[in-house]
Amino acid sequence: MTPRDPNLLAAQRFAGFVLTESREDGGCDIDGAWLQECAFECGLLLRFGMTQVMHAAGESCENCPGDCDYCYRLSAAGREAIKASERLP
């Protein structure tokens, strides 16, 4: 990733939101639903609507109990952010 790379900017934006949220009210607890929505808003996740037909067919993502409204999957920026984190010492 280069400094002007949109994937890097998405990861930096997400990191800034997470760090800010973790400092709110003097605690470090972050709500998982908020975290997922933030990653989506920053472009690190893609959101797909789960229809009743999909639920009836037993379709769900690996992290979903099967009764959710949306399925989130990594975007190209999300995959790149994970790869970059794996290269860190």
C-alpha atoms as a PDB file:
ATOM      1  CA  MET A   1       0.000   0.000   0.000  1.00  0.00           C
ATOM      2  CA  THR A   2       1.229   3.488  -0.848  1.00  0.00           C
ATOM      3  CA  PRO A   3       0.507   6.554   1.334  1.00  0.00           C
ATOM      4  CA  ARG A   4      -2.307   7.755  -1.011  1.00  0.00           C
ATOM      5  CA  ASP A   5      -3.702   4.272  -1.560  1.00  0.00           C
ATOM      6  CA  PRO A   6      -7.491   4.258  -0.914  1.00  0.00           C
ATOM      7  CA  ASN A   7      -7.135   0.925   0.891  1.00  0.00           C
ATOM      8  CA  LEU A   8      -4.609   2.453   3.286  1.00  0.00           C
ATOM      9  CA  LEU A   9      -6.823   5.489   3.823  1.00  0.00           C
ATOM     10  CA  ALA A  10      -9.781   3.208   4.641  1.00  0.00           C
ATOM     11  CA  ALA A  11      -7.694   1.302   7.200  1.00  0.00           C
ATOM     12  CA  GLN A  12      -6.399   4.546   8.735  1.00  0.00           C
ATOM     13  CA  ARG A  13      -9.905   5.969   8.986  1.00  0.00           C
ATOM     14  CA  PHE A  14     -11.130   2.779  10.675  1.00  0.00           C
ATOM     15  CA  ALA A  15      -8.183   2.804  13.100  1.00  0.00           C
ATOM     16  CA  GLY A  16      -8.938   6.412  14.021  1.00  0.00           C
ATOM     17  CA  PHE A  17     -12.597   5.662  14.718  1.00  0.00           C
ATOM     18  CA  VAL A  18     -11.718   2.595  16.800  1.00  0.00           C
ATOM     19  CA  LEU A  19      -9.104   4.427  18.852  1.00  0.00           C
ATOM     20  CA  THR A  20     -11.499   7.308  19.483  1.00  0.00           C
ATOM     21  CA  GLU A  21     -14.339   4.965  20.459  1.00  0.00           C
ATOM     22  CA  SER A  22     -12.084   2.964  22.776  1.00  0.00           C
ATOM     23  CA  ARG A  23     -11.298   6.115  24.733  1.00  0.00           C
ATOM     24  CA  GLU A  24     -14.921   7.203  25.179  1.00  0.00           C
ATOM     25  CA  ASP A  25     -16.220   7.281  28.760  1.00  0.00           C
ATOM     26  CA  GLY A  26     -12.855   6.177  30.148  1.00  0.00           C
ATOM     27  CA  GLY A  27     -13.195   2.558  29.031  1.00  0.00           C
ATOM     28  CA  CYS A  28     -11.800   0.369  26.318  1.00  0.00           C
ATOM     29  CA  ASP A  29     -14.827  -1.821  25.617  1.00  0.00           C
ATOM     30  CA  ILE A  30     -16.005  -1.655  22.026  1.00  0.00           C
ATOM     31  CA  ASP A  31     -19.374  -3.006  20.918  1.00  0.00           C
ATOM     32  CA  GLY A  32     -18.984  -5.664  18.222  1.00  0.00           C
ATOM     33  CA  ALA A  33     -21.993  -4.453  16.230  1.00  0.00           C
ATOM     34  CA  TRP A  34     -20.571  -0.905  16.255  1.00  0.00           C
ATOM     35  CA  LEU A  35     -17.174  -2.232  15.163  1.00  0.00           C
ATOM     36  CA  GLN A  36     -18.694  -4.158  12.257  1.00  0.00           C
ATOM     37  CA  GLU A  37     -20.764  -1.154  11.137  1.00  0.00           C
ATOM     38  CA  CYS A  38     -17.705   1.087  11.371  1.00  0.00           C
ATOM     39  CA  ALA A  39     -15.671  -1.324   9.217  1.00  0.00           C
ATOM     40  CA  PHE A  40     -18.515  -1.286   6.688  1.00  0.00           C
ATOM     41  CA  GLU A  41     -18.727   2.524   6.698  1.00  0.00           C
ATOM     42  CA  CYS A  42     -14.951   2.742   6.199  1.00  0.00           C
ATOM     43  CA  GLY A  43     -15.077   0.370   3.233  1.00  0.00           C
ATOM     44  CA  LEU A  44     -13.355  -2.606   4.878  1.00  0.00           C
ATOM     45  CA  LEU A  45     -16.476  -4.788   4.762  1.00  0.00           C
ATOM     46  CA  LEU A  46     -19.173  -5.329   2.153  1.00  0.00           C
ATOM     47  CA  ARG A  47     -22.755  -5.850   3.322  1.00  0.00           C
ATOM     48  CA  PHE A  48     -25.198  -8.198   1.645  1.00  0.00           C
ATOM     49  CA  GLY A  49     -28.867  -8.403   2.555  1.00  0.00           C
ATOM     50  CA  MET A  50     -30.058 -11.798   3.764  1.00  0.00           C
ATOM     51  CA  THR A  51     -33.508 -12.589   2.379  1.00  0.00           C
ATOM     52  CA  GLN A  52     -36.110 -14.926   3.833  1.00  0.00           C
ATOM     53  CA  VAL A  53     -35.445 -17.246   0.907  1.00  0.00           C
ATOM     54  CA  MET A  54     -31.757 -17.412   1.824  1.00  0.00           C
ATOM     55  CA  HIS A  55     -32.612 -18.159   5.459  1.00  0.00           C
ATOM     56  CA  ALA A  56     -35.107 -20.837   4.443  1.00  0.00           C
ATOM     57  CA  ALA A  57     -32.414 -22.469   2.299  1.00  0.00           C
ATOM     58  CA  GLY A  58     -30.115 -22.505   5.327  1.00  0.00           C
ATOM     59  CA  GLU A  59     -27.676 -19.972   3.899  1.00  0.00           C
ATOM     60  CA  SER A  60     -25.650 -17.928   6.338  1.00  0.00           C
ATOM     61  CA  CYS A  61     -22.103 -16.752   6.700  1.00  0.00           C
ATOM     62  CA  GLU A  62     -19.672 -18.536   8.989  1.00  0.00           C
ATOM     63  CA  ASN A  63     -20.101 -15.903  11.741  1.00  0.00           C
ATOM     64  CA  CYS A  64     -23.871 -15.648  11.562  1.00  0.00           C
ATOM     65  CA  PRO A  65     -26.319 -17.739  13.557  1.00  0.00           C
ATOM     66  CA  GLY A  66     -28.638 -17.731  10.549  1.00  0.00           C
ATOM     67  CA  ASP A  67     -31.159 -15.165  11.775  1.00  0.00           C
ATOM     68  CA  CYS A  68     -29.337 -11.984  10.793  1.00  0.00           C
ATOM     69  CA  ASP A  69     -30.508  -9.378   8.293  1.00  0.00           C
ATOM     70  CA  TYR A  70     -27.104  -8.825   6.712  1.00  0.00           C
ATOM     71  CA  CYS A  71     -23.999 -10.788   5.898  1.00  0.00           C
ATOM     72  CA  TYR A  72     -20.667  -8.942   5.967  1.00  0.00           C
ATOM     73  CA  ARG A  73     -17.679 -10.011   3.895  1.00  0.00           C
ATOM     74  CA  LEU A  74     -14.224  -8.502   3.517  1.00  0.00           C
ATOM     75  CA  SER A  75     -13.781  -5.956   0.754  1.00  0.00           C
ATOM     76  CA  ALA A  76     -10.532  -5.618  -1.204  1.00  0.00           C
ATOM     77  CA  ALA A  77      -9.499  -2.913   1.287  1.00  0.00           C
ATOM     78  CA  GLY A  78     -10.304  -5.216   4.204  1.00  0.00           C
ATOM     79  CA  ARG A  79      -8.264  -8.050   2.723  1.00  0.00           C
ATOM     80  CA  GLU A  80      -5.363  -5.684   2.083  1.00  0.00           C
ATOM     81  CA  ALA A  81      -5.514  -4.375   5.668  1.00  0.00           C
ATOM     82  CA  ILE A  82      -5.308  -7.931   7.010  1.00  0.00           C
ATOM     83  CA  LYS A  83      -2.367  -8.739   4.734  1.00  0.00           C
ATOM     84  CA  ALA A  84      -0.578  -5.595   5.897  1.00  0.00           C
ATOM     85  CA  SER A  85      -1.127  -6.493   9.549  1.00  0.00           C
ATOM     86  CA  GLU A  86       0.336  -9.959   8.969  1.00  0.00           C
ATOM     87  CA  ARG A  87       3.573  -8.354   7.695  1.00  0.00           C
ATOM     88  CA  LEU A  88       4.091  -6.378  10.902  1.00  0.00           C
ATOM     89  CA  PRO A  89       6.835  -7.543  13.275  1.00  0.00           C
END
